[in-house]
Amino acid sequence: MIDSIRKKLVAGDYEMTIPHFIEEMAEDNLVFADIEMAISNGKVRRRFRRDPRGTRYEIVGPSGDGRPIAVVCRIKSTGKLLLITTYALD
């Protein structure tokens, strides 16, 4: 699944929960490049399968400054990647 998520991110085939995702990035002093880095170099740590909207994935990886961060996302029924939330793990 991580490869599919990475491909969608690189292709620009994604959406964000606005304003929530942006607010969460700002709260932890993250920029979108940090999200890209975490997904590109991270791994799926948890799968949340009980959501009726579809499985959510928590991806954990490094930000640009080396802090571990998490990105929670899902593949929507449309096939687009939905970036739901993000947070620093420190």
PDB file of N, CA and C in Angstrom:
ATOM      1  N   MET A   1       0.818  -1.194   0.000  1.00  0.00           N
ATOM      2  CA  MET A   1       0.000   0.000   0.000  1.00  0.00           C
ATOM      3  C   MET A   1       0.865   1.262   0.000  1.00  0.00           C
ATOM      4  N   ILE A   2       2.011   1.215   0.672  1.00  0.00           N
ATOM      5  CA  ILE A   2       2.864   2.413   0.738  1.00  0.00           C
ATOM      6  C   ILE A   2       3.300   2.839  -0.663  1.00  0.00           C
ATOM      7  N   ASP A   3       3.561   1.889  -1.549  1.00  0.00           N
ATOM      8  CA  ASP A   3       3.967   2.244  -2.913  1.00  0.00           C
ATOM      9  C   ASP A   3       2.848   2.965  -3.655  1.00  0.00           C
ATOM     10  N   SER A   4       1.625   2.512  -3.479  1.00  0.00           N
ATOM     11  CA  SER A   4       0.475   3.162  -4.111  1.00  0.00           C
ATOM     12  C   SER A   4       0.298   4.584  -3.583  1.00  0.00           C
ATOM     13  N   ILE A   5       0.450   4.768  -2.280  1.00  0.00           N
ATOM     14  CA  ILE A   5       0.338   6.093  -1.664  1.00  0.00           C
ATOM     15  C   ILE A   5       1.435   7.006  -2.204  1.00  0.00           C
ATOM     16  N   ARG A   6       2.644   6.503  -2.284  1.00  0.00           N
ATOM     17  CA  ARG A   6       3.765   7.306  -2.797  1.00  0.00           C
ATOM     18  C   ARG A   6       3.529   7.731  -4.241  1.00  0.00           C
ATOM     19  N   LYS A   7       3.052   6.806  -5.072  1.00  0.00           N
ATOM     20  CA  LYS A   7       2.796   7.131  -6.476  1.00  0.00           C
ATOM     21  C   LYS A   7       1.734   8.214  -6.610  1.00  0.00           C
ATOM     22  N   LYS A   8       0.683   8.129  -5.823  1.00  0.00           N
ATOM     23  CA  LYS A   8      -0.377   9.137  -5.884  1.00  0.00           C
ATOM     24  C   LYS A   8       0.146  10.501  -5.442  1.00  0.00           C
ATOM     25  N   LEU A   9       0.982  10.532  -4.426  1.00  0.00           N
ATOM     26  CA  LEU A   9       1.549  11.788  -3.957  1.00  0.00           C
ATOM     27  C   LEU A   9       2.425  12.419  -5.038  1.00  0.00           C
ATOM     28  N   VAL A  10       3.307  11.634  -5.624  1.00  0.00           N
ATOM     29  CA  VAL A  10       4.217  12.140  -6.669  1.00  0.00           C
ATOM     30  C   VAL A  10       3.434  12.627  -7.887  1.00  0.00           C
ATOM     31  N   ALA A  11       2.365  11.923  -8.221  1.00  0.00           N
ATOM     32  CA  ALA A  11       1.559  12.285  -9.392  1.00  0.00           C
ATOM     33  C   ALA A  11       0.633  13.478  -9.122  1.00  0.00           C
ATOM     34  N   GLY A  12       0.570  13.907  -7.860  1.00  0.00           N
ATOM     35  CA  GLY A  12      -0.331  15.009  -7.514  1.00  0.00           C
ATOM     36  C   GLY A  12      -1.777  14.564  -7.436  1.00  0.00           C
ATOM     37  N   ASP A  13      -1.995  13.277  -7.290  1.00  0.00           N
ATOM     38  CA  ASP A  13      -3.336  12.705  -7.239  1.00  0.00           C
ATOM     39  C   ASP A  13      -3.804  12.608  -5.787  1.00  0.00           C
ATOM     40  N   TYR A  14      -3.885  13.779  -5.131  1.00  0.00           N
ATOM     41  CA  TYR A  14      -4.264  13.801  -3.716  1.00  0.00           C
ATOM     42  C   TYR A  14      -5.108  15.034  -3.408  1.00  0.00           C
ATOM     43  N   GLU A  15      -5.787  14.945  -2.272  1.00  0.00           N
ATOM     44  CA  GLU A  15      -6.556  16.042  -1.695  1.00  0.00           C
ATOM     45  C   GLU A  15      -6.204  16.107  -0.216  1.00  0.00           C
ATOM     46  N   MET A  16      -6.521  17.220   0.414  1.00  0.00           N
ATOM     47  CA  MET A  16      -6.298  17.385   1.849  1.00  0.00           C
ATOM     48  C   MET A  16      -7.623  17.744   2.515  1.00  0.00           C
ATOM     49  N   THR A  17      -7.763  17.370   3.769  1.00  0.00           N
ATOM     50  CA  THR A  17      -8.903  17.850   4.541  1.00  0.00           C
ATOM     51  C   THR A  17      -8.593  19.290   4.930  1.00  0.00           C
ATOM     52  N   ILE A  18      -9.310  20.214   4.301  1.00  0.00           N
ATOM     53  CA  ILE A  18      -9.077  21.652   4.505  1.00  0.00           C
ATOM     54  C   ILE A  18     -10.142  22.171   5.453  1.00  0.00           C
ATOM     55  N   PRO A  19      -9.828  22.930   6.468  1.00  0.00           N
ATOM     56  CA  PRO A  19      -8.508  23.461   6.799  1.00  0.00           C
ATOM     57  C   PRO A  19      -7.708  22.568   7.755  1.00  0.00           C
ATOM     58  N   HIS A  20      -8.300  21.455   8.185  1.00  0.00           N
ATOM     59  CA  HIS A  20      -7.693  20.652   9.253  1.00  0.00           C
ATOM     60  C   HIS A  20      -6.239  20.267   8.975  1.00  0.00           C
ATOM     61  N   PHE A  21      -5.965  19.716   7.802  1.00  0.00           N
ATOM     62  CA  PHE A  21      -4.607  19.246   7.515  1.00  0.00           C
ATOM     63  C   PHE A  21      -3.604  20.393   7.582  1.00  0.00           C
ATOM     64  N   ILE A  22      -3.955  21.535   7.008  1.00  0.00           N
ATOM     65  CA  ILE A  22      -3.064  22.708   7.004  1.00  0.00           C
ATOM     66  C   ILE A  22      -2.848  23.218   8.427  1.00  0.00           C
ATOM     67  N   GLU A  23      -3.917  23.252   9.220  1.00  0.00           N
ATOM     68  CA  GLU A  23      -3.790  23.703  10.613  1.00  0.00           C
ATOM     69  C   GLU A  23      -2.868  22.794  11.416  1.00  0.00           C
ATOM     70  N   GLU A  24      -2.992  21.488  11.198  1.00  0.00           N
ATOM     71  CA  GLU A  24      -2.141  20.542  11.922  1.00  0.00           C
ATOM     72  C   GLU A  24      -0.675  20.666  11.494  1.00  0.00           C
ATOM     73  N   MET A  25      -0.419  20.917  10.216  1.00  0.00           N
ATOM     74  CA  MET A  25       0.958  21.147   9.768  1.00  0.00           C
ATOM     75  C   MET A  25       1.525  22.374  10.476  1.00  0.00           C
ATOM     76  N   ALA A  26       0.765  23.456  10.496  1.00  0.00           N
ATOM     77  CA  ALA A  26       1.226  24.703  11.101  1.00  0.00           C
ATOM     78  C   ALA A  26       1.472  24.533  12.601  1.00  0.00           C
ATOM     79  N   GLU A  27       0.606  23.778  13.258  1.00  0.00           N
ATOM     80  CA  GLU A  27       0.738  23.581  14.705  1.00  0.00           C
ATOM     81  C   GLU A  27       2.070  22.932  15.084  1.00  0.00           C
ATOM     82  N   ASP A  28       2.574  22.066  14.222  1.00  0.00           N
ATOM     83  CA  ASP A  28       3.845  21.384  14.493  1.00  0.00           C
ATOM     84  C   ASP A  28       4.996  21.924  13.655  1.00  0.00           C
ATOM     85  N   ASN A  29       4.812  23.122  13.097  1.00  0.00           N
ATOM     86  CA  ASN A  29       5.858  23.768  12.299  1.00  0.00           C
ATOM     87  C   ASN A  29       6.342  22.888  11.154  1.00  0.00           C
ATOM     88  N   LEU A  30       5.384  22.311  10.424  1.00  0.00           N
ATOM     89  CA  LEU A  30       5.699  21.474   9.282  1.00  0.00           C
ATOM     90  C   LEU A  30       5.317  22.201   7.999  1.00  0.00           C
ATOM     91  N   VAL A  31       6.007  21.867   6.929  1.00  0.00           N
ATOM     92  CA  VAL A  31       5.659  22.357   5.593  1.00  0.00           C
ATOM     93  C   VAL A  31       5.369  21.128   4.737  1.00  0.00           C
ATOM     94  N   PHE A  32       4.796  21.361   3.546  1.00  0.00           N
ATOM     95  CA  PHE A  32       4.407  20.214   2.730  1.00  0.00           C
ATOM     96  C   PHE A  32       5.605  19.350   2.333  1.00  0.00           C
ATOM     97  N   ALA A  33       6.771  19.936   2.209  1.00  0.00           N
ATOM     98  CA  ALA A  33       7.976  19.144   1.894  1.00  0.00           C
ATOM     99  C   ALA A  33       8.242  18.109   2.995  1.00  0.00           C
ATOM    100  N   ASP A  34       7.892  18.435   4.242  1.00  0.00           N
ATOM    101  CA  ASP A  34       8.049  17.470   5.341  1.00  0.00           C
ATOM    102  C   ASP A  34       7.110  16.281   5.149  1.00  0.00           C
ATOM    103  N   ILE A  35       5.896  16.558   4.698  1.00  0.00           N
ATOM    104  CA  ILE A  35       4.913  15.503   4.457  1.00  0.00           C
ATOM    105  C   ILE A  35       5.409  14.588   3.333  1.00  0.00           C
ATOM    106  N   GLU A  36       5.894  15.212   2.264  1.00  0.00           N
ATOM    107  CA  GLU A  36       6.427  14.443   1.137  1.00  0.00           C
ATOM    108  C   GLU A  36       7.593  13.565   1.575  1.00  0.00           C
ATOM    109  N   MET A  37       8.484  14.106   2.390  1.00  0.00           N
ATOM    110  CA  MET A  37       9.642  13.347   2.846  1.00  0.00           C
ATOM    111  C   MET A  37       9.215  12.173   3.727  1.00  0.00           C
ATOM    112  N   ALA A  38       8.279  12.419   4.639  1.00  0.00           N
ATOM    113  CA  ALA A  38       7.827  11.354   5.538  1.00  0.00           C
ATOM    114  C   ALA A  38       7.194  10.205   4.760  1.00  0.00           C
ATOM    115  N   ILE A  39       6.367  10.540   3.773  1.00  0.00           N
ATOM    116  CA  ILE A  39       5.729   9.488   2.989  1.00  0.00           C
ATOM    117  C   ILE A  39       6.752   8.780   2.101  1.00  0.00           C
ATOM    118  N   SER A  40       7.668   9.521   1.522  1.00  0.00           N
ATOM    119  CA  SER A  40       8.680   8.928   0.635  1.00  0.00           C
ATOM    120  C   SER A  40       9.633   8.001   1.366  1.00  0.00           C
ATOM    121  N   ASN A  41       9.938   8.313   2.632  1.00  0.00           N
ATOM    122  CA  ASN A  41      10.944   7.554   3.374  1.00  0.00           C
ATOM    123  C   ASN A  41      10.388   6.783   4.564  1.00  0.00           C
ATOM    124  N   GLY A  42       9.081   6.859   4.761  1.00  0.00           N
ATOM    125  CA  GLY A  42       8.480   6.244   5.940  1.00  0.00           C
ATOM    126  C   GLY A  42       7.897   4.875   5.672  1.00  0.00           C
ATOM    127  N   LYS A  43       7.154   4.411   6.655  1.00  0.00           N
ATOM    128  CA  LYS A  43       6.491   3.114   6.555  1.00  0.00           C
ATOM    129  C   LYS A  43       5.114   3.208   7.199  1.00  0.00           C
ATOM    130  N   VAL A  44       4.239   2.302   6.816  1.00  0.00           N
ATOM    131  CA  VAL A  44       2.918   2.240   7.425  1.00  0.00           C
ATOM    132  C   VAL A  44       3.075   1.621   8.811  1.00  0.00           C
ATOM    133  N   ARG A  45       2.747   2.404   9.826  1.00  0.00           N
ATOM    134  CA  ARG A  45       2.859   1.907  11.200  1.00  0.00           C
ATOM    135  C   ARG A  45       1.555   1.274  11.666  1.00  0.00           C
ATOM    136  N   ARG A  46       0.426   1.883  11.285  1.00  0.00           N
ATOM    137  CA  ARG A  46      -0.872   1.347  11.707  1.00  0.00           C
ATOM    138  C   ARG A  46      -1.885   1.454  10.572  1.00  0.00           C
ATOM    139  N   ARG A  47      -2.842   0.535  10.607  1.00  0.00           N
ATOM    140  CA  ARG A  47      -3.980   0.558   9.691  1.00  0.00           C
ATOM    141  C   ARG A  47      -5.231   0.629  10.549  1.00  0.00           C
ATOM    142  N   PHE A  48      -6.123   1.544  10.205  1.00  0.00           N
ATOM    143  CA  PHE A  48      -7.381   1.688  10.932  1.00  0.00           C
ATOM    144  C   PHE A  48      -8.475   1.169   9.994  1.00  0.00           C
ATOM    145  N   ARG A  49      -8.923  -0.045  10.218  1.00  0.00           N
ATOM    146  CA  ARG A  49      -9.818  -0.726   9.276  1.00  0.00           C
ATOM    147  C   ARG A  49     -11.294  -0.576   9.599  1.00  0.00           C
ATOM    148  N   ARG A  50     -11.636  -0.047  10.743  1.00  0.00           N
ATOM    149  CA  ARG A  50     -13.047  -0.007  11.154  1.00  0.00           C
ATOM    150  C   ARG A  50     -13.791   1.240  10.690  1.00  0.00           C
ATOM    151  N   ASP A  51     -13.145   2.097   9.957  1.00  0.00           N
ATOM    152  CA  ASP A  51     -13.785   3.313   9.465  1.00  0.00           C
ATOM    153  C   ASP A  51     -14.670   2.949   8.273  1.00  0.00           C
ATOM    154  N   PRO A  52     -15.962   3.280   8.316  1.00  0.00           N
ATOM    155  CA  PRO A  52     -16.847   2.927   7.200  1.00  0.00           C
ATOM    156  C   PRO A  52     -16.482   3.624   5.884  1.00  0.00           C
ATOM    157  N   ARG A  53     -15.688   4.691   5.958  1.00  0.00           N
ATOM    158  CA  ARG A  53     -15.273   5.395   4.739  1.00  0.00           C
ATOM    159  C   ARG A  53     -14.069   4.735   4.079  1.00  0.00           C
ATOM    160  N   GLY A  54     -13.480   3.751   4.745  1.00  0.00           N
ATOM    161  CA  GLY A  54     -12.333   3.050   4.179  1.00  0.00           C
ATOM    162  C   GLY A  54     -11.163   3.031   5.138  1.00  0.00           C
ATOM    163  N   THR A  55     -10.230   2.150   4.890  1.00  0.00           N
ATOM    164  CA  THR A  55      -9.053   1.998   5.740  1.00  0.00           C
ATOM    165  C   THR A  55      -8.208   3.258   5.714  1.00  0.00           C
ATOM    166  N   ARG A  56      -7.800   3.696   6.905  1.00  0.00           N
ATOM    167  CA  ARG A  56      -6.855   4.815   7.031  1.00  0.00           C
ATOM    168  C   ARG A  56      -5.495   4.220   7.362  1.00  0.00           C
ATOM    169  N   TYR A  57      -4.458   4.903   6.911  1.00  0.00           N
ATOM    170  CA  TYR A  57      -3.088   4.451   7.130  1.00  0.00           C
ATOM    171  C   TYR A  57      -2.318   5.535   7.859  1.00  0.00           C
ATOM    172  N   GLU A  58      -1.609   5.139   8.909  1.00  0.00           N
ATOM    173  CA  GLU A  58      -0.706   6.066   9.602  1.00  0.00           C
ATOM    174  C   GLU A  58       0.699   5.759   9.105  1.00  0.00           C
ATOM    175  N   ILE A  59       1.274   6.720   8.402  1.00  0.00           N
ATOM    176  CA  ILE A  59       2.626   6.579   7.874  1.00  0.00           C
ATOM    177  C   ILE A  59       3.558   7.385   8.769  1.00  0.00           C
ATOM    178  N   VAL A  60       4.625   6.756   9.213  1.00  0.00           N
ATOM    179  CA  VAL A  60       5.607   7.416  10.072  1.00  0.00           C
ATOM    180  C   VAL A  60       6.929   7.489   9.323  1.00  0.00           C
ATOM    181  N   GLY A  61       7.507   8.697   9.325  1.00  0.00           N
ATOM    182  CA  GLY A  61       8.777   8.898   8.650  1.00  0.00           C
ATOM    183  C   GLY A  61       9.411  10.201   9.108  1.00  0.00           C
ATOM    184  N   PRO A  62      10.584  10.511   8.590  1.00  0.00           N
ATOM    185  CA  PRO A  62      11.292  11.719   9.009  1.00  0.00           C
ATOM    186  C   PRO A  62      10.791  12.971   8.280  1.00  0.00           C
ATOM    187  N   SER A  63      10.804  14.083   8.994  1.00  0.00           N
ATOM    188  CA  SER A  63      10.561  15.382   8.357  1.00  0.00           C
ATOM    189  C   SER A  63      11.893  15.884   7.808  1.00  0.00           C
ATOM    190  N   GLY A  64      11.873  17.036   7.181  1.00  0.00           N
ATOM    191  CA  GLY A  64      13.091  17.605   6.616  1.00  0.00           C
ATOM    192  C   GLY A  64      14.169  17.873   7.640  1.00  0.00           C
ATOM    193  N   ASP A  65      13.759  18.190   8.876  1.00  0.00           N
ATOM    194  CA  ASP A  65      14.749  18.457   9.919  1.00  0.00           C
ATOM    195  C   ASP A  65      15.040  17.225  10.773  1.00  0.00           C
ATOM    196  N   GLY A  66      14.548  16.062  10.336  1.00  0.00           N
ATOM    197  CA  GLY A  66      14.865  14.809  11.010  1.00  0.00           C
ATOM    198  C   GLY A  66      13.890  14.386  12.085  1.00  0.00           C
ATOM    199  N   ARG A  67      12.921  15.242  12.433  1.00  0.00           N
ATOM    200  CA  ARG A  67      11.933  14.856  13.449  1.00  0.00           C
ATOM    201  C   ARG A  67      11.031  13.753  12.893  1.00  0.00           C
ATOM    202  N   PRO A  68      10.683  12.778  13.721  1.00  0.00           N
ATOM    203  CA  PRO A  68       9.717  11.785  13.253  1.00  0.00           C
ATOM    204  C   PRO A  68       8.318  12.400  13.247  1.00  0.00           C
ATOM    205  N   ILE A  69       7.598  12.202  12.138  1.00  0.00           N
ATOM    206  CA  ILE A  69       6.229  12.694  12.045  1.00  0.00           C
ATOM    207  C   ILE A  69       5.337  11.579  11.527  1.00  0.00           C
ATOM    208  N   ALA A  70       4.045  11.772  11.709  1.00  0.00           N
ATOM    209  CA  ALA A  70       3.053  10.828  11.194  1.00  0.00           C
ATOM    210  C   ALA A  70       2.121  11.565  10.246  1.00  0.00           C
ATOM    211  N   VAL A  71       1.683  10.853   9.235  1.00  0.00           N
ATOM    212  CA  VAL A  71       0.688  11.351   8.287  1.00  0.00           C
ATOM    213  C   VAL A  71      -0.403  10.294   8.218  1.00  0.00           C
ATOM    214  N   VAL A  72      -1.641  10.703   8.440  1.00  0.00           N
ATOM    215  CA  VAL A  72      -2.765   9.780   8.339  1.00  0.00           C
ATOM    216  C   VAL A  72      -3.491  10.080   7.030  1.00  0.00           C
ATOM    217  N   CYS A  73      -3.720   9.021   6.257  1.00  0.00           N
ATOM    218  CA  CYS A  73      -4.332   9.190   4.937  1.00  0.00           C
ATOM    219  C   CYS A  73      -5.195   7.991   4.599  1.00  0.00           C
ATOM    220  N   ARG A  74      -5.927   8.109   3.500  1.00  0.00           N
ATOM    221  CA  ARG A  74      -6.740   7.016   2.981  1.00  0.00           C
ATOM    222  C   ARG A  74      -6.851   7.171   1.472  1.00  0.00           C
ATOM    223  N   ILE A  75      -7.192   6.098   0.806  1.00  0.00           N
ATOM    224  CA  ILE A  75      -7.500   6.152  -0.619  1.00  0.00           C
ATOM    225  C   ILE A  75      -9.023   6.260  -0.715  1.00  0.00           C
ATOM    226  N   LYS A  76      -9.498   7.339  -1.319  1.00  0.00           N
ATOM    227  CA  LYS A  76     -10.935   7.559  -1.443  1.00  0.00           C
ATOM    228  C   LYS A  76     -11.531   6.639  -2.510  1.00  0.00           C
ATOM    229  N   SER A  77     -12.845   6.534  -2.516  1.00  0.00           N
ATOM    230  CA  SER A  77     -13.528   5.706  -3.517  1.00  0.00           C
ATOM    231  C   SER A  77     -13.264   6.223  -4.930  1.00  0.00           C
ATOM    232  N   THR A  78     -12.901   7.491  -5.057  1.00  0.00           N
ATOM    233  CA  THR A  78     -12.558   8.074  -6.361  1.00  0.00           C
ATOM    234  C   THR A  78     -11.169   7.663  -6.826  1.00  0.00           C
ATOM    235  N   GLY A  79     -10.381   7.062  -5.913  1.00  0.00           N
ATOM    236  CA  GLY A  79      -9.010   6.678  -6.231  1.00  0.00           C
ATOM    237  C   GLY A  79      -7.989   7.707  -5.780  1.00  0.00           C
ATOM    238  N   LYS A  80      -8.438   8.889  -5.374  1.00  0.00           N
ATOM    239  CA  LYS A  80      -7.515   9.927  -4.908  1.00  0.00           C
ATOM    240  C   LYS A  80      -7.028   9.610  -3.497  1.00  0.00           C
ATOM    241  N   LEU A  81      -5.810  10.042  -3.211  1.00  0.00           N
ATOM    242  CA  LEU A  81      -5.251   9.960  -1.873  1.00  0.00           C
ATOM    243  C   LEU A  81      -5.795  11.136  -1.068  1.00  0.00           C
ATOM    244  N   LEU A  82      -6.325  10.875   0.114  1.00  0.00           N
ATOM    245  CA  LEU A  82      -6.809  11.934   0.996  1.00  0.00           C
ATOM    246  C   LEU A  82      -5.866  12.039   2.185  1.00  0.00           C
ATOM    247  N   LEU A  83      -5.214  13.191   2.328  1.00  0.00           N
ATOM    248  CA  LEU A  83      -4.346  13.468   3.474  1.00  0.00           C
ATOM    249  C   LEU A  83      -5.244  14.020   4.577  1.00  0.00           C
ATOM    250  N   ILE A  84      -5.377  13.298   5.667  1.00  0.00           N
ATOM    251  CA  ILE A  84      -6.348  13.623   6.705  1.00  0.00           C
ATOM    252  C   ILE A  84      -5.757  14.485   7.806  1.00  0.00           C
ATOM    253  N   THR A  85      -4.648  14.051   8.364  1.00  0.00           N
ATOM    254  CA  THR A  85      -4.003  14.801   9.432  1.00  0.00           C
ATOM    255  C   THR A  85      -2.526  14.462   9.484  1.00  0.00           C
ATOM    256  N   THR A  86      -1.792  15.250  10.220  1.00  0.00           N
ATOM    257  CA  THR A  86      -0.365  15.019  10.403  1.00  0.00           C
ATOM    258  C   THR A  86       0.031  15.535  11.777  1.00  0.00           C
ATOM    259  N   TYR A  87       1.084  14.982  12.340  1.00  0.00           N
ATOM    260  CA  TYR A  87       1.547  15.419  13.657  1.00  0.00           C
ATOM    261  C   TYR A  87       2.981  14.950  13.896  1.00  0.00           C
ATOM    262  N   ALA A  88       3.675  15.747  14.709  1.00  0.00           N
ATOM    263  CA  ALA A  88       5.033  15.380  15.124  1.00  0.00           C
ATOM    264  C   ALA A  88       4.932  14.335  16.216  1.00  0.00           C
ATOM    265  N   LEU A  89       5.889  13.442  16.250  1.00  0.00           N
ATOM    266  CA  LEU A  89       5.874  12.360  17.240  1.00  0.00           C
ATOM    267  C   LEU A  89       6.779  12.620  18.434  1.00  0.00           C
ATOM    268  N   ASP A  90       7.434  13.756  18.496  1.00  0.00           N
ATOM    269  CA  ASP A  90       8.347  14.011  19.613  1.00  0.00           C
ATOM    270  C   ASP A  90       7.684  14.564  20.814  1.00  0.00           C
TER     271      ASP A  90
END
